Amino acid sequence: MLAKAPAIPADAIVLDLEDSVPAGEKDAARALVRNRIATWPATGPALFVRINPPRFGMVAEDAGALHGHPNVGVLVPKVDRAVELALVFATFGRERETLVNIETPRSLLRAEEFADTPGVTGLFLGGEDLTRALGMSRTPDGAELSWARFMLVAAARAGGVDVYDSICPEFRDMAVLEHDCRTAAAFGFDGKFAIHPAQIPLIHAAFTPTAEEVAQAQRIVAAYDDAVARGLGSVAVDGQMVDPPVADRARALLQRAAR
């Protein structure tokens, strides 16, 4: 898996030191991750490492796998309070990309605190762990995550950080995956985590504006800017009244298309 990772057409790859690694294999996993980072090609996807939860007392050991590679991001799992990040930043610094995995009930209720913490660059919804902790069942339409999705996007927008949707455990039924991706995009997430390379095309498609959407957004922005220049507060475009919120949404779509 590690050998194939650079060729996967994802925007970023997360190398794991946490849940997928048995307790007795942590040191071996750190060595594998350290070697993979050292030989990661410059043309490969961006790199992140999911460390162990700070309260497990392994932050210093995990940091050794990233030593000398400040461009490798960190994903911090299973934190309940923002104060738990102090050890992470004391070890890794605040210049590195740092995503916080919101996957416990308490962390969900404190999502705004995490988004407001200096050094945090993004939030990630851990839907599998969160629903298990809440006693929920995972369903194909993902309705059980609706409130959590809203809360995370609201917290991220308030704090000015990125926000990423939970993985979809289904990678064989593409209809279920596509619905989940479209739902996440409609909620306003910046992207979505994948658990299998087969999921990547549908995720990219869901979060990439279509040519028609881009063309409409360009018309909206051009017409609104022209209206403002003429002293008007709104204008009609394609039968839709365009005021500042609609124009701002169109600008955001164009920015996403450019990325």
Protein backbone atom coordinates (compact mmCIF):
# COMPACT_ATOMS: atom_id res chain seq x y z
CA MET A 1 0.00 0.00 0.00
CA LEU A 2 2.74 2.45 0.92
CA ALA A 3 4.64 1.62 -2.26
CA LYS A 4 1.60 2.33 -4.45
CA ALA A 5 0.45 5.44 -2.58
CA PRO A 6 2.31 8.12 -4.61
CA ALA A 7 0.55 7.03 -7.80
CA ILE A 8 -2.97 7.32 -6.35
CA PRO A 9 -4.77 10.30 -7.97
CA ALA A 10 -5.83 11.83 -4.66
CA ASP A 11 -5.15 15.39 -3.52
CA ALA A 12 -3.57 14.08 -0.32
CA ILE A 13 -2.63 10.77 1.28
CA VAL A 14 -2.90 10.09 5.02
CA LEU A 15 -0.38 7.60 6.41
CA ASP A 16 -1.78 6.05 9.57
CA LEU A 17 -0.17 5.43 12.94
CA GLU A 18 -3.44 5.13 14.85
CA ASP A 19 -6.41 2.77 14.48
CA SER A 20 -5.04 0.57 11.72
CA VAL A 21 -1.88 -0.22 13.71
CA PRO A 22 -2.00 -2.76 16.59
CA ALA A 23 -0.41 -1.58 19.83
CA GLY A 24 2.57 -3.90 19.45
CA GLU A 25 3.32 -2.69 15.93
CA LYS A 26 3.53 1.08 16.54
CA ASP A 27 7.32 1.28 16.33
CA ALA A 28 7.39 -0.77 13.13
CA ALA A 29 4.70 1.46 11.62
CA ARG A 30 6.65 4.59 12.53
CA ALA A 31 9.71 3.20 10.76
CA LEU A 32 7.67 2.40 7.66
CA VAL A 33 6.09 5.86 7.64
CA ARG A 34 9.45 7.56 8.20
CA ASN A 35 10.99 5.70 5.26
CA ARG A 36 8.01 6.38 3.01
CA ILE A 37 8.10 10.12 3.78
CA ALA A 38 11.85 10.25 3.09
CA THR A 39 11.37 8.75 -0.39
CA TRP A 40 8.08 10.45 -1.27
CA PRO A 41 8.32 11.90 -4.81
CA ALA A 42 7.90 15.63 -5.27
CA THR A 43 5.18 14.94 -7.83
CA GLY A 44 3.14 12.80 -5.42
CA PRO A 45 0.01 13.90 -3.54
CA ALA A 46 0.34 16.03 -0.41
CA LEU A 47 1.17 14.00 2.69
CA PHE A 48 -0.42 13.81 6.14
CA VAL A 49 0.20 11.45 9.06
CA ARG A 50 -2.54 10.49 11.49
CA ILE A 51 -0.82 10.35 14.85
CA ASN A 52 -2.11 8.65 17.99
CA PRO A 53 -4.44 10.60 20.32
CA PRO A 54 -2.43 13.02 22.50
CA ARG A 55 -3.78 11.47 25.71
CA PHE A 56 -2.13 8.16 24.78
CA GLY A 57 1.29 9.69 25.44
CA MET A 58 2.81 8.82 22.05
CA VAL A 59 3.11 12.26 20.45
CA ALA A 60 6.89 12.47 20.83
CA GLU A 61 7.39 8.99 19.37
CA ASP A 62 5.03 9.71 16.48
CA ALA A 63 6.81 13.00 15.78
CA GLY A 64 9.99 11.06 15.03
CA ALA A 65 8.38 9.71 11.87
CA LEU A 66 7.94 13.27 10.55
CA HIS A 67 11.24 14.74 11.72
CA GLY A 68 12.83 16.97 9.11
CA HIS A 69 9.71 17.13 6.95
CA PRO A 70 7.76 20.29 7.87
CA ASN A 71 5.57 20.03 4.78
CA VAL A 72 3.96 16.82 6.00
CA GLY A 73 0.67 17.58 7.73
CA VAL A 74 -0.73 16.07 10.92
CA LEU A 75 -4.17 14.61 11.54
CA VAL A 76 -5.05 14.56 15.26
CA PRO A 77 -7.70 11.98 16.28
CA LYS A 78 -9.94 11.48 19.30
CA VAL A 79 -9.48 14.77 21.11
CA ASP A 80 -12.29 16.03 23.33
CA ARG A 81 -11.04 19.53 24.14
CA ALA A 82 -8.88 22.08 22.35
CA VAL A 83 -6.47 22.14 25.30
CA GLU A 84 -5.35 18.63 24.29
CA LEU A 85 -3.75 20.16 21.20
CA ALA A 86 -1.18 22.03 23.31
CA LEU A 87 1.13 19.01 23.35
CA VAL A 88 0.71 18.54 19.60
CA PHE A 89 1.72 22.13 18.84
CA ALA A 90 4.52 22.08 21.40
CA THR A 91 5.93 19.05 19.56
CA PHE A 92 5.16 19.83 15.92
CA GLY A 93 4.86 23.63 15.95
CA ARG A 94 2.00 25.68 14.50
CA GLU A 95 3.36 26.15 10.97
CA ARG A 96 2.51 22.63 9.82
CA GLU A 97 -0.92 21.76 8.33
CA THR A 98 -2.95 20.40 11.25
CA LEU A 99 -6.36 18.78 10.87
CA VAL A 100 -8.48 17.83 13.88
CA ASN A 101 -10.61 14.70 13.63
CA ILE A 102 -14.02 15.42 15.15
CA GLU A 103 -15.16 11.93 16.13
CA THR A 104 -16.21 12.03 19.79
CA PRO A 105 -19.47 13.49 21.15
CA ARG A 106 -17.61 16.08 23.20
CA SER A 107 -15.41 17.17 20.30
CA LEU A 108 -18.51 17.70 18.15
CA LEU A 109 -20.04 19.93 20.81
CA ARG A 110 -16.75 21.87 20.98
CA ALA A 111 -16.06 22.05 17.24
CA GLU A 112 -15.98 25.86 17.28
CA GLU A 113 -13.21 25.81 19.89
CA PHE A 114 -11.06 23.61 17.67
CA ALA A 115 -11.70 25.82 14.63
CA ASP A 116 -10.69 28.90 16.64
CA THR A 117 -7.44 27.35 17.91
CA PRO A 118 -4.36 28.98 16.32
CA GLY A 119 -2.53 26.42 14.21
CA VAL A 120 -5.57 24.33 13.32
CA THR A 121 -6.06 24.49 9.56
CA GLY A 122 -9.01 22.16 9.16
CA LEU A 123 -11.65 19.90 10.72
CA PHE A 124 -12.50 16.38 9.62
CA LEU A 125 -15.75 14.60 10.48
CA GLY A 126 -15.02 11.08 11.75
CA GLY A 127 -18.46 9.69 11.06
CA GLU A 128 -17.72 6.05 11.86
CA ASP A 129 -16.34 6.63 15.36
CA LEU A 130 -18.84 9.39 16.12
CA THR A 131 -21.93 7.38 15.23
CA ARG A 132 -20.59 4.39 17.16
CA ALA A 133 -19.98 6.56 20.23
CA LEU A 134 -23.51 7.95 19.97
CA GLY A 135 -25.09 4.53 19.52
CA MET A 136 -26.28 5.38 16.01
CA SER A 137 -26.50 3.06 13.04
CA ARG A 138 -24.85 4.03 9.76
CA THR A 139 -27.41 4.14 6.96
CA PRO A 140 -26.95 4.37 3.17
CA ASP A 141 -28.41 7.89 2.97
CA GLY A 142 -26.30 9.18 5.87
CA ALA A 143 -29.19 11.06 7.47
CA GLU A 144 -27.79 10.33 10.95
CA LEU A 145 -24.84 12.65 10.18
CA SER A 146 -26.91 15.64 9.06
CA TRP A 147 -26.69 17.59 12.31
CA ALA A 148 -22.98 16.81 12.75
CA ARG A 149 -22.27 17.91 9.20
CA PHE A 150 -24.07 21.20 9.74
CA MET A 151 -22.26 21.84 13.02
CA LEU A 152 -18.82 21.16 11.52
CA VAL A 153 -19.34 23.35 8.48
CA ALA A 154 -20.71 26.16 10.66
CA ALA A 155 -17.75 25.91 13.06
CA ALA A 156 -15.21 25.82 10.23
CA ARG A 157 -16.72 28.81 8.46
CA ALA A 158 -16.85 30.76 11.73
CA GLY A 159 -13.20 29.92 12.42
CA GLY A 160 -11.99 30.40 8.86
CA VAL A 161 -10.59 26.87 8.43
CA ASP A 162 -11.21 24.08 5.94
CA VAL A 163 -13.63 21.27 6.65
CA TYR A 164 -13.68 17.72 5.27
CA ASP A 165 -16.48 15.19 5.26
CA SER A 166 -16.39 11.68 6.71
CA ILE A 167 -15.41 8.65 4.71
CA CYS A 168 -18.16 6.64 3.07
CA PRO A 169 -17.62 2.98 4.02
CA GLU A 170 -19.19 1.83 0.75
CA PHE A 171 -16.75 1.45 -2.15
CA ARG A 172 -18.57 -1.15 -4.22
CA ASP A 173 -22.04 0.41 -4.53
CA MET A 174 -21.24 3.56 -6.49
CA ALA A 175 -24.80 4.88 -6.19
CA VAL A 176 -24.52 5.02 -2.39
CA LEU A 177 -21.11 6.67 -2.64
CA GLU A 178 -22.26 9.24 -5.19
CA HIS A 179 -25.25 10.21 -3.03
CA ASP A 180 -22.96 10.61 -0.01
CA CYS A 181 -20.52 12.75 -1.99
CA ARG A 182 -23.23 14.98 -3.41
CA THR A 183 -24.74 15.43 0.04
CA ALA A 184 -21.39 16.46 1.51
CA ALA A 185 -20.76 18.93 -1.31
CA ALA A 186 -24.24 20.42 -0.84
CA PHE A 187 -23.54 20.87 2.87
CA GLY A 188 -20.56 23.03 1.95
CA PHE A 189 -17.61 20.78 2.79
CA ASP A 190 -14.32 21.58 1.07
CA GLY A 191 -13.63 17.92 0.32
CA LYS A 192 -14.10 14.38 1.51
CA PHE A 193 -11.86 11.61 2.80
CA ALA A 194 -11.71 8.31 0.92
CA ILE A 195 -10.88 4.80 2.14
CA HIS A 196 -10.26 3.25 -1.28
CA PRO A 197 -8.81 4.58 -4.56
CA ALA A 198 -12.00 3.53 -6.36
CA GLN A 199 -13.84 6.30 -4.50
CA ILE A 200 -11.65 9.15 -5.75
CA PRO A 201 -13.26 9.84 -9.17
CA LEU A 202 -16.74 10.21 -7.68
CA ILE A 203 -15.44 12.45 -4.88
CA HIS A 204 -13.61 14.67 -7.37
CA ALA A 205 -16.70 14.85 -9.57
CA ALA A 206 -18.95 15.84 -6.66
CA PHE A 207 -16.67 18.64 -5.48
CA THR A 208 -15.65 19.98 -8.90
CA PRO A 209 -18.09 22.52 -10.41
CA THR A 210 -19.41 21.57 -13.85
CA ALA A 211 -18.74 23.72 -16.91
CA GLU A 212 -22.38 24.87 -16.82
CA GLU A 213 -22.09 25.89 -13.15
CA VAL A 214 -18.90 27.81 -13.86
CA ALA A 215 -20.47 29.61 -16.82
CA GLN A 216 -23.51 30.58 -14.77
CA ALA A 217 -21.33 31.80 -11.89
CA GLN A 218 -19.32 33.92 -14.32
CA ARG A 219 -22.52 35.49 -15.65
CA ILE A 220 -23.75 36.19 -12.12
CA VAL A 221 -20.49 37.82 -10.99
CA ALA A 222 -20.17 39.90 -14.17
CA ALA A 223 -23.76 41.11 -14.03
CA TYR A 224 -23.66 41.87 -10.31
CA ASP A 225 -20.36 43.78 -10.54
CA ASP A 226 -21.80 45.79 -13.42
CA ALA A 227 -24.93 46.52 -11.40
CA VAL A 228 -22.88 47.69 -8.41
CA ALA A 229 -20.83 49.94 -10.69
CA ARG A 230 -24.13 51.52 -11.83
CA GLY A 231 -25.27 52.05 -8.25
CA LEU A 232 -27.71 49.13 -8.07
CA GLY A 233 -27.93 46.64 -5.21
CA SER A 234 -29.25 43.68 -7.18
CA VAL A 235 -29.80 42.42 -10.73
CA ALA A 236 -31.65 39.59 -12.45
CA VAL A 237 -29.58 36.84 -14.11
CA ASP A 238 -31.13 33.81 -15.82
CA GLY A 239 -34.44 34.62 -14.14
CA GLN A 240 -32.88 34.71 -10.67
CA MET A 241 -32.53 37.80 -8.49
CA VAL A 242 -28.86 38.30 -7.60
CA ASP A 243 -27.96 40.19 -4.43
CA PRO A 244 -24.72 40.09 -2.35
CA PRO A 245 -25.17 36.56 -0.87
CA VAL A 246 -25.88 35.06 -4.31
CA ALA A 247 -22.91 36.88 -5.84
CA ASP A 248 -20.63 35.75 -3.02
CA ARG A 249 -21.73 32.14 -3.53
CA ALA A 250 -20.92 32.44 -7.23
CA ARG A 251 -17.48 33.86 -6.45
CA ALA A 252 -16.81 30.97 -4.06
CA LEU A 253 -17.77 28.47 -6.76
CA LEU A 254 -15.34 30.11 -9.21
CA GLN A 255 -12.57 29.96 -6.61
CA ARG A 256 -13.27 26.25 -6.07
CA ALA A 257 -13.24 25.63 -9.83
CA ALA A 258 -9.87 27.39 -10.09
CA ARG A 259 -8.43 25.16 -7.37
